[in-house]
Protein backbone atom coordinates (compact mmCIF):
# COMPACT_ATOMS: atom_id res chain seq x y z
CA UNK A 1 -17.41 13.31 -10.18
CA UNK A 2 -19.22 16.66 -10.30
CA UNK A 3 -17.30 19.54 -11.75
CA UNK A 4 -14.90 17.31 -13.70
CA UNK A 5 -14.11 18.68 -17.17
CA UNK A 6 -16.35 17.30 -19.91
CA UNK A 7 -16.26 17.36 -23.68
CA UNK A 8 -19.12 17.12 -26.16
CA UNK A 9 -18.91 14.27 -28.64
CA UNK A 10 -21.04 13.92 -31.78
CA UNK A 11 -22.01 10.28 -32.38
CA UNK A 12 -23.44 9.59 -35.84
CA UNK A 13 -22.80 5.86 -36.32
CA UNK A 14 -23.02 2.83 -34.06
CA UNK A 15 -22.27 4.93 -30.96
CA UNK A 16 -25.71 6.53 -31.29
CA UNK A 17 -27.06 3.23 -29.90
CA UNK A 18 -26.81 4.04 -26.22
CA UNK A 19 -26.31 0.45 -25.10
CA UNK A 20 -23.26 0.14 -27.36
CA UNK A 21 -21.53 3.34 -26.26
CA UNK A 22 -22.22 2.63 -22.59
CA UNK A 23 -20.77 -0.89 -22.92
CA UNK A 24 -17.66 0.84 -24.24
CA UNK A 25 -17.43 3.83 -21.88
CA UNK A 26 -19.80 3.43 -18.96
CA UNK A 27 -22.71 5.79 -18.38
CA UNK A 28 -22.74 8.67 -20.88
CA UNK A 29 -24.65 11.90 -20.45
CA UNK A 30 -26.92 12.55 -23.44
CA UNK A 31 -27.00 16.20 -24.54
CA UNK A 32 -29.41 15.78 -27.45
CA UNK A 33 -30.07 15.34 -31.16
CA UNK A 34 -28.11 17.57 -33.54
CA UNK A 35 -27.35 18.15 -37.19
CA UNK A 36 -24.06 19.01 -38.84
CA UNK A 37 -24.35 21.04 -42.03
CA UNK A 38 -22.26 20.36 -45.11
CA UNK A 39 -21.58 16.77 -44.00
CA UNK A 40 -23.12 13.47 -45.10
CA UNK A 41 -23.08 9.97 -43.66
CA UNK A 42 -21.00 7.48 -45.64
CA UNK A 43 -20.11 3.84 -44.95
CA UNK A 44 -16.75 4.09 -46.72
CA UNK A 45 -14.28 3.93 -43.82
CA UNK A 46 -12.45 0.57 -43.80
CA UNK A 47 -12.86 -1.05 -40.40
CA UNK A 48 -10.40 -3.43 -38.81
CA UNK A 49 -12.73 -6.26 -39.85
CA UNK A 50 -12.61 -5.14 -43.52
CA UNK A 51 -16.19 -3.87 -43.64
CA UNK A 52 -17.51 -0.35 -44.19
CA UNK A 53 -17.88 1.79 -41.09
CA UNK A 54 -19.54 5.19 -40.78
CA UNK A 55 -17.80 8.41 -41.68
CA UNK A 56 -18.89 12.01 -41.22
CA UNK A 57 -17.90 13.04 -44.74
CA UNK A 58 -17.45 16.75 -45.39
CA UNK A 59 -19.19 17.54 -48.68
CA UNK A 60 -19.11 21.33 -48.48
CA UNK A 61 -22.65 21.29 -49.90
CA UNK A 62 -25.06 23.47 -47.90
CA UNK A 63 -27.92 21.11 -48.83
CA UNK A 64 -26.27 18.20 -46.96
CA UNK A 65 -26.73 17.47 -43.27
CA UNK A 66 -25.52 14.66 -41.06
CA UNK A 67 -27.67 13.87 -38.00
CA UNK A 68 -26.60 12.36 -34.74
CA UNK A 69 -26.56 12.73 -30.99
CA UNK A 70 -24.17 14.53 -28.70
CA UNK A 71 -22.93 12.98 -25.49
CA UNK A 72 -21.07 14.86 -22.78
CA UNK A 73 -18.03 12.73 -21.94
CA UNK A 74 -15.42 12.91 -19.24
CA UNK A 75 -11.85 13.29 -20.44
CA UNK A 76 -11.23 9.67 -19.38
CA UNK A 77 -14.15 8.53 -21.54
CA UNK A 78 -12.81 10.54 -24.47
CA UNK A 79 -9.39 8.88 -24.07
CA UNK A 80 -11.08 5.47 -24.01
CA UNK A 81 -13.08 6.29 -27.14
CA UNK A 82 -9.97 7.58 -28.93
CA UNK A 83 -8.37 4.18 -28.30
CA UNK A 84 -11.46 2.26 -29.45
CA UNK A 85 -11.90 4.30 -32.63
CA UNK A 86 -8.25 3.69 -33.43
CA UNK A 87 -5.95 5.05 -36.08
CA UNK A 88 -8.57 5.06 -38.87
CA UNK A 89 -10.28 8.18 -37.54
CA UNK A 90 -9.11 11.68 -36.74
CA UNK A 91 -11.00 14.16 -34.59
CA UNK A 92 -12.36 17.45 -35.80
CA UNK A 93 -13.99 20.28 -33.87
CA UNK A 94 -17.33 21.21 -35.41
CA UNK A 95 -20.31 23.44 -34.75
CA UNK A 96 -23.57 21.49 -34.49
CA UNK A 97 -27.16 22.66 -34.54
CA UNK A 98 -29.62 21.59 -31.87
CA UNK A 99 -33.15 22.78 -31.22
CA UNK A 100 -31.68 25.14 -28.62
CA UNK A 101 -29.11 26.62 -31.03
CA UNK A 102 -25.51 26.06 -32.12
CA UNK A 103 -22.71 24.68 -29.97
CA UNK A 104 -19.28 23.08 -30.34
CA UNK A 105 -18.57 19.35 -30.29
CA UNK A 106 -15.90 17.05 -31.58
CA UNK A 107 -16.45 14.33 -34.15
CA UNK A 108 -14.45 11.44 -35.58
CA UNK A 109 -13.92 11.56 -39.35
CA UNK A 110 -12.22 8.91 -41.44
CA UNK A 111 -8.59 9.59 -42.26
CA UNK A 112 -8.28 9.69 -46.07
CA UNK A 113 -6.02 6.63 -46.26
CA UNK A 114 -8.79 4.54 -44.62
CA UNK A 115 -11.52 5.51 -47.12
CA UNK A 116 -12.60 3.13 -49.89
CA UNK A 117 -15.54 3.88 -52.15
CA UNK A 118 -17.00 0.38 -52.55
CA UNK A 119 -17.17 -0.83 -48.95
CA UNK A 120 -20.35 -2.23 -47.41
CA UNK A 121 -21.15 -2.46 -43.73
CA UNK A 122 -21.92 -5.77 -42.08
CA UNK A 123 -25.63 -6.23 -41.42
CA UNK A 124 -25.22 -6.13 -37.62
CA UNK A 125 -23.34 -2.82 -37.83
CA UNK A 126 -25.90 -1.15 -40.07
CA UNK A 127 -28.69 -2.47 -37.82
CA UNK A 128 -27.05 -0.86 -34.76
CA UNK A 129 -26.73 2.47 -36.62
CA UNK A 130 -30.39 2.32 -37.71
CA UNK A 131 -31.51 1.36 -34.19
CA UNK A 132 -29.63 4.33 -32.72
CA UNK A 133 -31.11 6.69 -35.31
CA UNK A 134 -34.63 5.43 -34.57
CA UNK A 135 -34.14 5.48 -30.79
CA UNK A 136 -33.24 9.17 -30.95
CA UNK A 137 -36.04 9.97 -33.41
CA UNK A 138 -33.79 11.31 -36.15
CA UNK A 139 -35.73 12.56 -39.19
CA UNK A 140 -37.61 9.72 -40.91
CA UNK A 141 -36.09 10.44 -44.34
CA UNK A 142 -32.63 10.22 -42.81
CA UNK A 143 -33.30 6.91 -41.03
CA UNK A 144 -34.77 5.52 -44.26
CA UNK A 145 -31.64 6.55 -46.19
CA UNK A 146 -29.48 4.60 -43.71
CA UNK A 147 -31.83 1.62 -43.88
CA UNK A 148 -31.46 1.55 -47.71
CA UNK A 149 -27.67 1.10 -47.52
CA UNK A 150 -26.64 -2.33 -48.77
CA UNK A 151 -25.03 -4.58 -46.17
CA UNK A 152 -23.08 -7.85 -46.14
CA UNK A 153 -23.28 -10.83 -43.85
CA UNK A 154 -20.36 -10.93 -41.41
CA UNK A 155 -18.36 -14.09 -42.19
CA UNK A 156 -17.38 -14.27 -38.50
CA UNK A 157 -20.52 -15.82 -37.00
CA UNK A 158 -19.35 -15.28 -33.40
CA UNK A 159 -18.80 -11.56 -33.99
CA UNK A 160 -22.18 -11.36 -35.73
CA UNK A 161 -23.93 -13.11 -32.82
CA UNK A 162 -22.16 -10.91 -30.26
CA UNK A 163 -23.16 -7.67 -31.95
CA UNK A 164 -26.72 -8.79 -32.56
CA UNK A 165 -26.89 -9.50 -28.81
CA UNK A 166 -25.72 -5.92 -28.16
CA UNK A 167 -28.46 -4.69 -30.47
CA UNK A 168 -31.01 -6.74 -28.55
CA UNK A 169 -29.71 -5.55 -25.17
CA UNK A 170 -28.54 -9.07 -24.24
CA UNK A 171 -24.91 -8.09 -23.51
CA UNK A 172 -24.28 -6.46 -20.14
CA UNK A 173 -21.01 -5.21 -18.69
CA UNK A 174 -17.62 -5.69 -20.22
CA UNK A 175 -16.19 -3.79 -23.12
CA UNK A 176 -17.51 -3.98 -26.65
CA UNK A 177 -15.06 -3.12 -29.38
């Protein structure tokens, strides 16, 4: 509906892959590629499946930057995403930099009690993050740094197959969690 309130959301992990976020929320309006200074991407947030999920980790170091994409969401979509992201993340308002300048967005960051240093993502999850980064033409050095992250094989073969199908665009409709 035109004129409905919208909120800008910074996606930096698997939600950068447009097919994944739209399976979750329906059509999402892409605002563009952004960076977030003094943050770095980490795979140290414990997911419900026990693997490492992405975190926008605040380093405080001016040399660090996290890259991602901003979507403009309806308030209903934000509520849906809050439910999907679950209790392991908290939201934070941040100022992101786009080619057109700075603007406000919100981002999910791992709550401290859900962070573990030695976690590894499952291969399908890392592949979705890399695919999203490539699809939005994030800086090559940044995509390469994600691609170098070690990953584990998901012991749940059905979950692995399902998410690889999402990556390949073979899942349509329904909700992916």
